[in-house]
C-alpha atoms as a PDB file:
ATOM      1  CA  MET A   1       0.000   0.000   0.000  1.00  0.00           C
ATOM      2  CA  LYS A   2       1.388   3.380  -1.014  1.00  0.00           C
ATOM      3  CA  THR A   3       0.468   6.514   0.928  1.00  0.00           C
ATOM      4  CA  ILE A   4       0.472  10.131  -0.210  1.00  0.00           C
ATOM      5  CA  ALA A   5      -0.163  12.935   2.284  1.00  0.00           C
ATOM      6  CA  VAL A   6      -1.251  16.433   1.257  1.00  0.00           C
ATOM      7  CA  VAL A   7      -0.733  18.806   4.195  1.00  0.00           C
ATOM      8  CA  SER A   8      -0.223  22.497   4.796  1.00  0.00           C
ATOM      9  CA  ALA A   9      -0.251  24.770   7.814  1.00  0.00           C
ATOM     10  CA  HIS A  10      -2.050  27.477   5.860  1.00  0.00           C
ATOM     11  CA  PRO A  11      -5.785  27.277   5.069  1.00  0.00           C
ATOM     12  CA  GLY A  12      -6.686  28.125   1.506  1.00  0.00           C
ATOM     13  CA  SER A  13      -3.389  27.019  -0.007  1.00  0.00           C
ATOM     14  CA  GLY A  14      -4.935  24.373  -2.284  1.00  0.00           C
ATOM     15  CA  GLN A  15      -4.794  21.125  -0.290  1.00  0.00           C
ATOM     16  CA  THR A  16      -8.345  20.108  -1.276  1.00  0.00           C
ATOM     17  CA  THR A  17      -7.781  20.944  -4.943  1.00  0.00           C
ATOM     18  CA  ILE A  18      -4.537  18.971  -5.055  1.00  0.00           C
ATOM     19  CA  ALA A  19      -5.999  15.992  -3.162  1.00  0.00           C
ATOM     20  CA  VAL A  20      -9.099  15.689  -5.381  1.00  0.00           C
ATOM     21  CA  ASN A  21      -7.192  16.114  -8.650  1.00  0.00           C
ATOM     22  CA  LEU A  22      -4.487  13.656  -7.605  1.00  0.00           C
ATOM     23  CA  ALA A  23      -7.094  11.142  -6.413  1.00  0.00           C
ATOM     24  CA  SER A  24      -9.075  11.485  -9.660  1.00  0.00           C
ATOM     25  CA  GLY A  25      -5.974  10.842 -11.754  1.00  0.00           C
ATOM     26  CA  LEU A  26      -5.052   7.780  -9.704  1.00  0.00           C
ATOM     27  CA  VAL A  27      -8.569   6.352  -9.978  1.00  0.00           C
ATOM     28  CA  ARG A  28      -8.453   6.800 -13.770  1.00  0.00           C
ATOM     29  CA  LYS A  29      -5.230   4.748 -13.766  1.00  0.00           C
ATOM     30  CA  GLY A  30      -6.999   1.944 -11.890  1.00  0.00           C
ATOM     31  CA  CYS A  31      -5.790   2.646  -8.347  1.00  0.00           C
ATOM     32  CA  HIS A  32      -8.005   2.347  -5.290  1.00  0.00           C
ATOM     33  CA  VAL A  33      -8.059   5.700  -3.475  1.00  0.00           C
ATOM     34  CA  LEU A  34      -9.150   6.549   0.059  1.00  0.00           C
ATOM     35  CA  ILE A  35      -9.028  10.150   1.288  1.00  0.00           C
ATOM     36  CA  VAL A  36      -8.849  10.555   5.064  1.00  0.00           C
ATOM     37  CA  ASP A  37     -10.157  13.982   6.064  1.00  0.00           C
ATOM     38  CA  PRO A  38      -9.633  14.902   9.721  1.00  0.00           C
ATOM     39  CA  SER A  39     -11.483  18.223   9.352  1.00  0.00           C
ATOM     40  CA  ASN A  40     -14.814  17.110   7.813  1.00  0.00           C
ATOM     41  CA  ASN A  41     -14.198  19.483   4.864  1.00  0.00           C
ATOM     42  CA  GLU A  42     -17.537  20.388   3.234  1.00  0.00           C
ATOM     43  CA  LYS A  43     -15.797  21.616   0.060  1.00  0.00           C
ATOM     44  CA  LEU A  44     -14.177  18.200  -0.334  1.00  0.00           C
ATOM     45  CA  ARG A  45     -17.544  16.498   0.152  1.00  0.00           C
ATOM     46  CA  ARG A  46     -19.124  18.689  -2.559  1.00  0.00           C
ATOM     47  CA  TRP A  47     -16.277  18.002  -5.017  1.00  0.00           C
ATOM     48  CA  LEU A  48     -16.716  14.256  -4.475  1.00  0.00           C
ATOM     49  CA  GLY A  49     -20.486  14.558  -4.957  1.00  0.00           C
ATOM     50  CA  LEU A  50     -21.296  13.474  -1.398  1.00  0.00           C
ATOM     51  CA  ARG A  51     -24.114  14.848   0.718  1.00  0.00           C
ATOM     52  CA  PRO A  52     -23.312  17.091   3.675  1.00  0.00           C
ATOM     53  CA  LYS A  53     -22.711  15.122   6.847  1.00  0.00           C
ATOM     54  CA  PRO A  54     -25.561  15.280   9.382  1.00  0.00           C
ATOM     55  CA  ASP A  55     -24.970  17.307  12.549  1.00  0.00           C
ATOM     56  CA  GLN A  56     -22.599  15.721  15.012  1.00  0.00           C
ATOM     57  CA  GLY A  57     -25.041  16.524  17.812  1.00  0.00           C
ATOM     58  CA  SER A  58     -27.129  13.389  17.369  1.00  0.00           C
ATOM     59  CA  THR A  59     -28.769  11.704  20.333  1.00  0.00           C
ATOM     60  CA  SER A  60     -26.994   8.405  19.760  1.00  0.00           C
ATOM     61  CA  THR A  61     -24.724   7.214  22.565  1.00  0.00           C
ATOM     62  CA  GLU A  62     -22.818   4.912  20.233  1.00  0.00           C
ATOM     63  CA  PRO A  63     -19.284   6.129  19.356  1.00  0.00           C
ATOM     64  CA  ALA A  64     -18.740   7.148  15.727  1.00  0.00           C
ATOM     65  CA  SER A  65     -16.194   4.369  15.245  1.00  0.00           C
ATOM     66  CA  MET A  66     -18.746   1.685  16.141  1.00  0.00           C
ATOM     67  CA  GLY A  67     -21.572   0.293  14.022  1.00  0.00           C
ATOM     68  CA  LYS A  68     -21.704   1.014  10.289  1.00  0.00           C
ATOM     69  CA  SER A  69     -18.558   1.694   8.332  1.00  0.00           C
ATOM     70  CA  ASN A  70     -17.542   5.351   8.170  1.00  0.00           C
ATOM     71  CA  ILE A  71     -16.250   4.940   4.600  1.00  0.00           C
ATOM     72  CA  GLU A  72     -18.308   6.741   1.977  1.00  0.00           C
ATOM     73  CA  HIS A  73     -18.055   5.935  -1.724  1.00  0.00           C
ATOM     74  CA  SER A  74     -18.198   8.829  -4.191  1.00  0.00           C
ATOM     75  CA  ARG A  75     -19.468   8.678  -7.748  1.00  0.00           C
ATOM     76  CA  LEU A  76     -15.904   9.449  -8.876  1.00  0.00           C
ATOM     77  CA  GLY A  77     -14.647   6.143  -7.459  1.00  0.00           C
ATOM     78  CA  ILE A  78     -12.860   7.872  -4.575  1.00  0.00           C
ATOM     79  CA  ASP A  79     -13.600   6.682  -1.042  1.00  0.00           C
ATOM     80  CA  LEU A  80     -13.708   9.101   1.901  1.00  0.00           C
ATOM     81  CA  ILE A  81     -13.386   8.830   5.658  1.00  0.00           C
ATOM     82  CA  SER A  82     -13.993  12.119   7.457  1.00  0.00           C
ATOM     83  CA  PHE A  83     -14.169  12.994  11.108  1.00  0.00           C
ATOM     84  CA  ASN A  84     -13.666  15.925  13.455  1.00  0.00           C
ATOM     85  CA  SER A  85     -10.418  15.845  15.381  1.00  0.00           C
END
């Protein structure tokens, strides 16, 4: 498994743009791609064609890591795991 990290200390410097374009190119070449988003980036979700995540203030007492898989599958063939750190 190969890993590529796109990080920057400055918001608005193009991390989302680079990540989505790189992921799209890799998927077109036949690679399986999973983006891990620690910030629950709504722009990223829109670019992948995913619905906004429901409010985190649900009444469930079950931890987010339990139950159903947190992996979402986009129409672009890119998988996404997002969470709030």
